[in-house]
Amino acid sequence: MKNEITIYTDGACKGNPGIGGWGAVIKFSNNIEKRIYGYNNETTNNRMELTAAIMSLSILDEKSKVILYTDSKYLMDGINQWILKWKKNSWKTSNNKEVKNMDLWKKIDELNSYHSVEWNWVKGHSGNYGNDQADELANFAISNKDNQYD
């Protein structure tokens, strides 16, 4: 894989559930930066966090090495700890309940298997430039009820 891409993602929600937004900053190896965002009228914060990662990975044209940063412990724990158990258990939790947001987790699993993704957690609202920019995009999407992605 010749492409190395850095991605910062974030999700936001006004009410939970409520109107939500997601944002991402994608930095390509040729120093081109792309910003994408979107909103949903009725969603949860966790769905927006997952959607930010999905949309970011989905726009990549070819198999890539990706370094992805998120401030979502839900996304990090899900992808690094829980997902293998969920798949082995037919998408059921340890309490034998259906995994919440299963549709999005299945898509993340597919994209994670296609790309070589290094998942990293960053503390939100801590001055991390990429994370702060993704947060601004998520909130912009909510405020403007707008989508911008390819």
N, C-alpha and C. Protein backbone atom coordinates (compact mmCIF):
# COMPACT_ATOMS: atom_id res chain seq x y z
N MET A 1 0.83 -1.18 0.00
CA MET A 1 0.00 0.00 0.00
C MET A 1 0.87 1.24 0.00
N LYS A 2 0.75 2.03 -1.03
CA LYS A 2 1.60 3.22 -1.14
C LYS A 2 0.98 4.44 -0.46
N ASN A 3 -0.33 4.45 -0.32
CA ASN A 3 -0.99 5.61 0.27
C ASN A 3 -1.02 5.51 1.78
N GLU A 4 -0.56 6.56 2.46
CA GLU A 4 -0.73 6.66 3.90
C GLU A 4 -1.58 7.88 4.17
N ILE A 5 -2.68 7.67 4.84
CA ILE A 5 -3.66 8.72 5.05
C ILE A 5 -3.92 8.85 6.54
N THR A 6 -3.99 10.10 7.01
CA THR A 6 -4.33 10.38 8.40
C THR A 6 -5.73 10.96 8.44
N ILE A 7 -6.55 10.42 9.34
CA ILE A 7 -7.95 10.86 9.44
C ILE A 7 -8.26 11.20 10.90
N TYR A 8 -8.94 12.33 11.09
CA TYR A 8 -9.49 12.71 12.38
C TYR A 8 -11.01 12.72 12.23
N THR A 9 -11.71 12.05 13.15
CA THR A 9 -13.17 11.98 13.06
C THR A 9 -13.80 12.43 14.37
N ASP A 10 -15.04 12.89 14.25
CA ASP A 10 -15.81 13.22 15.45
C ASP A 10 -17.29 13.22 15.12
N GLY A 11 -18.08 12.94 16.14
CA GLY A 11 -19.53 12.99 16.04
C GLY A 11 -20.06 13.90 17.13
N ALA A 12 -21.26 14.43 16.91
CA ALA A 12 -21.89 15.31 17.90
C ALA A 12 -23.40 15.12 17.82
N CYS A 13 -24.07 15.41 18.91
CA CYS A 13 -25.52 15.26 18.95
C CYS A 13 -26.10 16.32 19.88
N LYS A 14 -27.16 16.95 19.46
CA LYS A 14 -27.91 17.90 20.29
C LYS A 14 -29.14 17.16 20.77
N GLY A 15 -29.05 16.65 21.98
CA GLY A 15 -30.02 15.70 22.49
C GLY A 15 -29.49 14.33 22.13
N ASN A 16 -29.87 13.34 22.89
CA ASN A 16 -29.35 12.00 22.59
C ASN A 16 -30.43 10.96 22.91
N PRO A 17 -31.34 10.64 21.98
CA PRO A 17 -31.26 11.00 20.56
C PRO A 17 -31.68 12.45 20.29
N GLY A 18 -31.29 12.88 19.12
CA GLY A 18 -31.58 14.23 18.65
C GLY A 18 -30.94 14.45 17.31
N ILE A 19 -30.83 15.72 16.92
CA ILE A 19 -30.16 16.04 15.66
C ILE A 19 -28.66 15.85 15.86
N GLY A 20 -28.04 15.18 14.92
CA GLY A 20 -26.63 14.87 15.06
C GLY A 20 -25.82 15.26 13.85
N GLY A 21 -24.54 15.36 14.06
CA GLY A 21 -23.62 15.66 12.97
C GLY A 21 -22.32 14.89 13.15
N TRP A 22 -21.62 14.75 12.07
CA TRP A 22 -20.32 14.10 12.09
C TRP A 22 -19.39 14.92 11.21
N GLY A 23 -18.10 14.84 11.50
CA GLY A 23 -17.11 15.55 10.70
C GLY A 23 -15.82 14.78 10.64
N ALA A 24 -15.06 15.03 9.60
CA ALA A 24 -13.76 14.36 9.45
C ALA A 24 -12.80 15.23 8.67
N VAL A 25 -11.56 15.17 9.07
CA VAL A 25 -10.46 15.81 8.35
C VAL A 25 -9.57 14.68 7.85
N ILE A 26 -9.36 14.65 6.54
CA ILE A 26 -8.60 13.58 5.90
C ILE A 26 -7.36 14.20 5.26
N LYS A 27 -6.20 13.73 5.70
CA LYS A 27 -4.93 14.25 5.19
C LYS A 27 -4.25 13.17 4.36
N PHE A 28 -4.10 13.45 3.08
CA PHE A 28 -3.49 12.50 2.15
C PHE A 28 -1.98 12.69 2.13
N SER A 29 -1.25 11.68 1.66
CA SER A 29 0.21 11.72 1.67
C SER A 29 0.79 12.80 0.76
N ASN A 30 -0.01 13.30 -0.18
CA ASN A 30 0.48 14.36 -1.07
C ASN A 30 0.16 15.76 -0.52
N ASN A 31 -0.10 15.84 0.79
CA ASN A 31 -0.39 17.09 1.51
C ASN A 31 -1.73 17.72 1.16
N ILE A 32 -2.57 17.01 0.46
CA ILE A 32 -3.93 17.48 0.21
C ILE A 32 -4.79 17.12 1.41
N GLU A 33 -5.61 18.08 1.83
CA GLU A 33 -6.49 17.86 2.97
C GLU A 33 -7.93 17.99 2.51
N LYS A 34 -8.76 17.06 2.94
CA LYS A 34 -10.18 17.07 2.58
C LYS A 34 -10.98 17.11 3.87
N ARG A 35 -12.05 17.89 3.88
CA ARG A 35 -12.94 17.99 5.02
C ARG A 35 -14.33 17.56 4.59
N ILE A 36 -14.90 16.63 5.34
CA ILE A 36 -16.24 16.15 5.01
C ILE A 36 -17.10 16.20 6.27
N TYR A 37 -18.40 16.30 6.08
CA TYR A 37 -19.31 16.34 7.22
C TYR A 37 -20.72 16.00 6.76
N GLY A 38 -21.58 15.72 7.75
CA GLY A 38 -22.96 15.42 7.44
C GLY A 38 -23.81 15.47 8.70
N TYR A 39 -25.12 15.40 8.51
CA TYR A 39 -26.02 15.47 9.65
C TYR A 39 -27.15 14.47 9.49
N ASN A 40 -27.85 14.26 10.59
CA ASN A 40 -29.02 13.39 10.62
C ASN A 40 -30.02 14.01 11.58
N ASN A 41 -31.29 14.05 11.20
CA ASN A 41 -32.31 14.71 12.02
C ASN A 41 -32.63 13.96 13.31
N GLU A 42 -32.48 12.65 13.33
CA GLU A 42 -32.81 11.85 14.52
C GLU A 42 -31.80 10.74 14.65
N THR A 43 -30.88 10.91 15.61
CA THR A 43 -29.78 9.95 15.74
C THR A 43 -29.24 9.99 17.16
N THR A 44 -28.14 9.29 17.38
CA THR A 44 -27.45 9.33 18.67
C THR A 44 -26.00 9.74 18.45
N ASN A 45 -25.35 10.14 19.52
CA ASN A 45 -23.94 10.51 19.42
C ASN A 45 -23.10 9.33 18.94
N ASN A 46 -23.37 8.14 19.48
CA ASN A 46 -22.58 6.97 19.06
C ASN A 46 -22.73 6.69 17.57
N ARG A 47 -23.94 6.84 17.04
CA ARG A 47 -24.13 6.61 15.59
C ARG A 47 -23.34 7.64 14.78
N MET A 48 -23.25 8.86 15.27
CA MET A 48 -22.50 9.89 14.54
C MET A 48 -21.00 9.62 14.61
N GLU A 49 -20.51 9.13 15.74
CA GLU A 49 -19.09 8.78 15.84
C GLU A 49 -18.75 7.67 14.84
N LEU A 50 -19.60 6.65 14.77
CA LEU A 50 -19.38 5.55 13.84
C LEU A 50 -19.50 6.02 12.39
N THR A 51 -20.48 6.88 12.12
CA THR A 51 -20.69 7.38 10.76
C THR A 51 -19.49 8.19 10.28
N ALA A 52 -18.89 8.97 11.16
CA ALA A 52 -17.71 9.75 10.78
C ALA A 52 -16.59 8.83 10.28
N ALA A 53 -16.36 7.74 11.00
CA ALA A 53 -15.31 6.79 10.58
C ALA A 53 -15.70 6.11 9.27
N ILE A 54 -16.95 5.70 9.16
CA ILE A 54 -17.41 5.01 7.94
C ILE A 54 -17.28 5.90 6.72
N MET A 55 -17.77 7.12 6.82
CA MET A 55 -17.74 8.03 5.67
C MET A 55 -16.31 8.36 5.27
N SER A 56 -15.44 8.52 6.25
CA SER A 56 -14.03 8.82 5.96
C SER A 56 -13.36 7.69 5.20
N LEU A 57 -13.55 6.48 5.69
CA LEU A 57 -12.92 5.32 5.04
C LEU A 57 -13.57 5.00 3.70
N SER A 58 -14.87 5.31 3.57
CA SER A 58 -15.61 5.00 2.34
C SER A 58 -15.18 5.83 1.14
N ILE A 59 -14.69 7.04 1.38
CA ILE A 59 -14.34 7.89 0.23
C ILE A 59 -12.96 7.59 -0.35
N LEU A 60 -12.20 6.73 0.31
CA LEU A 60 -10.87 6.41 -0.20
C LEU A 60 -11.00 5.53 -1.43
N ASP A 61 -10.39 5.95 -2.52
CA ASP A 61 -10.52 5.28 -3.81
C ASP A 61 -9.85 3.92 -3.87
N GLU A 62 -8.77 3.76 -3.13
CA GLU A 62 -8.04 2.50 -3.19
C GLU A 62 -7.61 2.06 -1.81
N LYS A 63 -7.24 0.81 -1.70
CA LYS A 63 -6.77 0.25 -0.44
C LYS A 63 -5.63 1.11 0.09
N SER A 64 -5.74 1.49 1.36
CA SER A 64 -4.77 2.44 1.92
C SER A 64 -4.37 2.07 3.33
N LYS A 65 -3.19 2.57 3.72
CA LYS A 65 -2.76 2.52 5.12
C LYS A 65 -3.32 3.78 5.76
N VAL A 66 -4.13 3.59 6.80
CA VAL A 66 -4.83 4.71 7.42
C VAL A 66 -4.47 4.79 8.90
N ILE A 67 -4.16 5.99 9.34
CA ILE A 67 -4.01 6.27 10.76
C ILE A 67 -5.22 7.11 11.13
N LEU A 68 -6.13 6.53 11.91
CA LEU A 68 -7.38 7.19 12.23
C LEU A 68 -7.42 7.56 13.71
N TYR A 69 -7.79 8.82 13.98
CA TYR A 69 -7.90 9.33 15.34
C TYR A 69 -9.36 9.64 15.65
N THR A 70 -9.80 9.20 16.82
CA THR A 70 -11.15 9.45 17.28
C THR A 70 -11.12 9.77 18.77
N ASP A 71 -12.09 10.54 19.22
CA ASP A 71 -12.20 10.79 20.66
C ASP A 71 -13.29 9.91 21.28
N SER A 72 -13.79 8.95 20.52
CA SER A 72 -14.87 8.07 20.98
C SER A 72 -14.33 6.77 21.58
N LYS A 73 -14.50 6.62 22.89
CA LYS A 73 -14.13 5.37 23.54
C LYS A 73 -15.01 4.23 23.02
N TYR A 74 -16.27 4.55 22.70
CA TYR A 74 -17.20 3.55 22.16
C TYR A 74 -16.65 2.96 20.86
N LEU A 75 -16.18 3.81 19.96
CA LEU A 75 -15.61 3.34 18.70
C LEU A 75 -14.32 2.57 18.95
N MET A 76 -13.45 3.10 19.79
CA MET A 76 -12.17 2.44 20.06
C MET A 76 -12.37 1.08 20.73
N ASP A 77 -13.20 1.02 21.75
CA ASP A 77 -13.43 -0.27 22.42
C ASP A 77 -14.13 -1.24 21.49
N GLY A 78 -15.07 -0.73 20.71
CA GLY A 78 -15.79 -1.59 19.78
C GLY A 78 -14.89 -2.24 18.75
N ILE A 79 -14.04 -1.45 18.13
CA ILE A 79 -13.19 -1.97 17.05
C ILE A 79 -12.03 -2.80 17.59
N ASN A 80 -11.51 -2.43 18.77
CA ASN A 80 -10.34 -3.11 19.31
C ASN A 80 -10.63 -4.26 20.25
N GLN A 81 -11.81 -4.27 20.89
CA GLN A 81 -12.08 -5.30 21.89
C GLN A 81 -13.34 -6.10 21.61
N TRP A 82 -14.41 -5.44 21.27
CA TRP A 82 -15.71 -6.10 21.25
C TRP A 82 -16.07 -6.78 19.94
N ILE A 83 -15.64 -6.23 18.81
CA ILE A 83 -16.17 -6.66 17.52
C ILE A 83 -15.89 -8.14 17.21
N LEU A 84 -14.72 -8.64 17.57
CA LEU A 84 -14.41 -10.05 17.30
C LEU A 84 -15.37 -10.97 18.07
N LYS A 85 -15.65 -10.60 19.31
CA LYS A 85 -16.59 -11.39 20.12
C LYS A 85 -18.01 -11.29 19.54
N TRP A 86 -18.40 -10.09 19.13
CA TRP A 86 -19.74 -9.92 18.54
C TRP A 86 -19.91 -10.80 17.30
N LYS A 87 -18.91 -10.78 16.43
CA LYS A 87 -19.00 -11.58 15.20
C LYS A 87 -19.05 -13.07 15.53
N LYS A 88 -18.23 -13.49 16.45
CA LYS A 88 -18.20 -14.90 16.85
C LYS A 88 -19.54 -15.31 17.46
N ASN A 89 -20.22 -14.36 18.11
CA ASN A 89 -21.48 -14.63 18.80
C ASN A 89 -22.69 -14.20 17.96
N SER A 90 -22.54 -14.19 16.63
CA SER A 90 -23.62 -13.81 15.70
C SER A 90 -24.20 -12.43 16.01
N TRP A 91 -23.31 -11.47 16.26
CA TRP A 91 -23.67 -10.08 16.52
C TRP A 91 -24.57 -9.93 17.74
N LYS A 92 -24.24 -10.71 18.76
CA LYS A 92 -24.91 -10.60 20.06
C LYS A 92 -23.88 -10.19 21.10
N THR A 93 -24.35 -9.44 22.12
CA THR A 93 -23.47 -9.05 23.21
C THR A 93 -23.28 -10.22 24.17
N SER A 94 -22.46 -10.01 25.17
CA SER A 94 -22.25 -11.06 26.17
C SER A 94 -23.53 -11.35 26.95
N ASN A 95 -24.48 -10.42 26.93
CA ASN A 95 -25.79 -10.62 27.57
C ASN A 95 -26.80 -11.23 26.60
N ASN A 96 -26.32 -11.66 25.44
CA ASN A 96 -27.13 -12.28 24.40
C ASN A 96 -28.17 -11.32 23.80
N LYS A 97 -27.86 -10.03 23.82
CA LYS A 97 -28.72 -9.02 23.20
C LYS A 97 -28.08 -8.60 21.88
N GLU A 98 -28.93 -8.18 20.95
CA GLU A 98 -28.42 -7.73 19.66
C GLU A 98 -27.52 -6.50 19.86
N VAL A 99 -26.40 -6.48 19.16
CA VAL A 99 -25.46 -5.35 19.23
C VAL A 99 -26.16 -4.09 18.73
N LYS A 100 -26.06 -3.02 19.52
CA LYS A 100 -26.61 -1.73 19.10
C LYS A 100 -25.78 -1.21 17.93
N ASN A 101 -26.43 -0.57 17.00
CA ASN A 101 -25.77 0.02 15.82
C ASN A 101 -25.09 -1.03 14.95
N MET A 102 -25.66 -2.24 14.95
CA MET A 102 -25.06 -3.36 14.22
C MET A 102 -24.82 -3.03 12.75
N ASP A 103 -25.75 -2.31 12.12
CA ASP A 103 -25.59 -1.95 10.71
C ASP A 103 -24.29 -1.17 10.48
N LEU A 104 -24.01 -0.24 11.39
CA LEU A 104 -22.79 0.57 11.25
C LEU A 104 -21.54 -0.23 11.62
N TRP A 105 -21.64 -1.06 12.65
CA TRP A 105 -20.50 -1.89 13.02
C TRP A 105 -20.11 -2.85 11.90
N LYS A 106 -21.09 -3.40 11.21
CA LYS A 106 -20.78 -4.30 10.09
C LYS A 106 -20.06 -3.56 8.98
N LYS A 107 -20.47 -2.32 8.71
CA LYS A 107 -19.81 -1.52 7.68
C LYS A 107 -18.38 -1.16 8.10
N ILE A 108 -18.20 -0.78 9.35
CA ILE A 108 -16.85 -0.48 9.85
C ILE A 108 -15.97 -1.72 9.74
N ASP A 109 -16.50 -2.86 10.10
CA ASP A 109 -15.75 -4.11 10.02
C ASP A 109 -15.30 -4.37 8.58
N GLU A 110 -16.20 -4.16 7.64
CA GLU A 110 -15.88 -4.36 6.22
C GLU A 110 -14.77 -3.41 5.78
N LEU A 111 -14.88 -2.14 6.13
CA LEU A 111 -13.87 -1.15 5.73
C LEU A 111 -12.55 -1.39 6.45
N ASN A 112 -12.61 -1.79 7.70
CA ASN A 112 -11.40 -2.08 8.47
C ASN A 112 -10.66 -3.28 7.89
N SER A 113 -11.40 -4.22 7.35
CA SER A 113 -10.79 -5.39 6.71
C SER A 113 -10.17 -5.05 5.36
N TYR A 114 -10.74 -4.08 4.67
CA TYR A 114 -10.24 -3.68 3.35
C TYR A 114 -8.97 -2.83 3.48
N HIS A 115 -9.06 -1.80 4.30
CA HIS A 115 -7.90 -0.91 4.52
C HIS A 115 -7.07 -1.44 5.67
N SER A 116 -5.85 -0.98 5.76
CA SER A 116 -5.01 -1.26 6.91
C SER A 116 -5.14 -0.07 7.85
N VAL A 117 -5.98 -0.20 8.88
CA VAL A 117 -6.31 0.93 9.74
C VAL A 117 -5.64 0.78 11.10
N GLU A 118 -4.94 1.82 11.50
CA GLU A 118 -4.40 1.93 12.85
C GLU A 118 -5.33 2.87 13.60
N TRP A 119 -6.03 2.35 14.60
CA TRP A 119 -7.03 3.11 15.36
C TRP A 119 -6.37 3.75 16.57
N ASN A 120 -6.58 5.06 16.75
CA ASN A 120 -5.99 5.79 17.86
C ASN A 120 -7.03 6.64 18.57
N TRP A 121 -6.93 6.68 19.89
CA TRP A 121 -7.83 7.52 20.68
C TRP A 121 -7.11 8.80 21.04
N VAL A 122 -7.83 9.91 20.95
CA VAL A 122 -7.32 11.20 21.37
C VAL A 122 -8.38 11.83 22.28
N LYS A 123 -7.95 12.49 23.32
CA LYS A 123 -8.89 13.13 24.23
C LYS A 123 -9.57 14.29 23.50
N GLY A 124 -10.90 14.31 23.56
CA GLY A 124 -11.66 15.37 22.92
C GLY A 124 -11.50 16.70 23.64
N HIS A 125 -11.61 17.78 22.87
CA HIS A 125 -11.56 19.15 23.41
C HIS A 125 -10.29 19.39 24.23
N SER A 126 -9.19 18.85 23.72
CA SER A 126 -7.93 18.96 24.46
C SER A 126 -6.87 19.75 23.69
N GLY A 127 -7.27 20.40 22.62
CA GLY A 127 -6.32 21.18 21.84
C GLY A 127 -5.68 20.41 20.70
N ASN A 128 -6.12 19.18 20.43
CA ASN A 128 -5.61 18.44 19.29
C ASN A 128 -6.23 19.05 18.03
N TYR A 129 -5.40 19.61 17.17
CA TYR A 129 -5.89 20.37 16.02
C TYR A 129 -6.85 19.57 15.14
N GLY A 130 -6.46 18.36 14.76
CA GLY A 130 -7.31 17.56 13.88
C GLY A 130 -8.64 17.21 14.52
N ASN A 131 -8.61 16.83 15.79
CA ASN A 131 -9.84 16.50 16.49
C ASN A 131 -10.73 17.73 16.65
N ASP A 132 -10.13 18.86 16.97
CA ASP A 132 -10.90 20.10 17.11
C ASP A 132 -11.56 20.48 15.78
N GLN A 133 -10.85 20.28 14.69
CA GLN A 133 -11.41 20.59 13.37
C GLN A 133 -12.57 19.65 13.03
N ALA A 134 -12.43 18.37 13.33
CA ALA A 134 -13.51 17.41 13.08
C ALA A 134 -14.73 17.76 13.93
N ASP A 135 -14.51 18.17 15.17
CA ASP A 135 -15.60 18.59 16.05
C ASP A 135 -16.32 19.82 15.48
N GLU A 136 -15.56 20.78 14.99
CA GLU A 136 -16.17 21.97 14.38
C GLU A 136 -17.01 21.59 13.17
N LEU A 137 -16.53 20.67 12.36
CA LEU A 137 -17.28 20.23 11.19
C LEU A 137 -18.58 19.53 11.59
N ALA A 138 -18.53 18.69 12.62
CA ALA A 138 -19.73 18.00 13.10
C ALA A 138 -20.78 19.00 13.58
N ASN A 139 -20.33 20.00 14.32
CA ASN A 139 -21.26 21.00 14.83
C ASN A 139 -21.75 21.94 13.73
N PHE A 140 -20.90 22.21 12.75
CA PHE A 140 -21.33 22.99 11.58
C PHE A 140 -22.45 22.26 10.84
N ALA A 141 -22.29 20.95 10.67
CA ALA A 141 -23.30 20.16 9.98
C ALA A 141 -24.64 20.24 10.71
N ILE A 142 -24.61 20.17 12.05
CA ILE A 142 -25.84 20.27 12.83
C ILE A 142 -26.47 21.65 12.66
N SER A 143 -25.68 22.68 12.83
CA SER A 143 -26.19 24.06 12.77
C SER A 143 -26.78 24.40 11.41
N ASN A 144 -26.17 23.86 10.36
CA ASN A 144 -26.59 24.21 9.01
C ASN A 144 -27.41 23.13 8.33
N LYS A 145 -27.63 22.00 9.04
CA LYS A 145 -28.33 20.86 8.46
C LYS A 145 -27.83 20.60 7.04
N ASP A 146 -26.52 20.40 6.97
CA ASP A 146 -25.84 20.32 5.68
C ASP A 146 -24.93 19.10 5.63
N ASN A 147 -24.73 18.61 4.43
CA ASN A 147 -23.83 17.49 4.15
C ASN A 147 -22.83 17.91 3.08
N GLN A 148 -21.59 17.49 3.25
CA GLN A 148 -20.59 17.69 2.20
C GLN A 148 -19.62 16.52 2.23
N TYR A 149 -19.76 15.65 1.28
CA TYR A 149 -18.85 14.51 1.15
C TYR A 149 -18.96 13.94 -0.25
N ASP A 150 -17.94 13.22 -0.64
CA ASP A 150 -17.91 12.59 -1.98
C ASP A 150 -18.17 11.11 -1.85
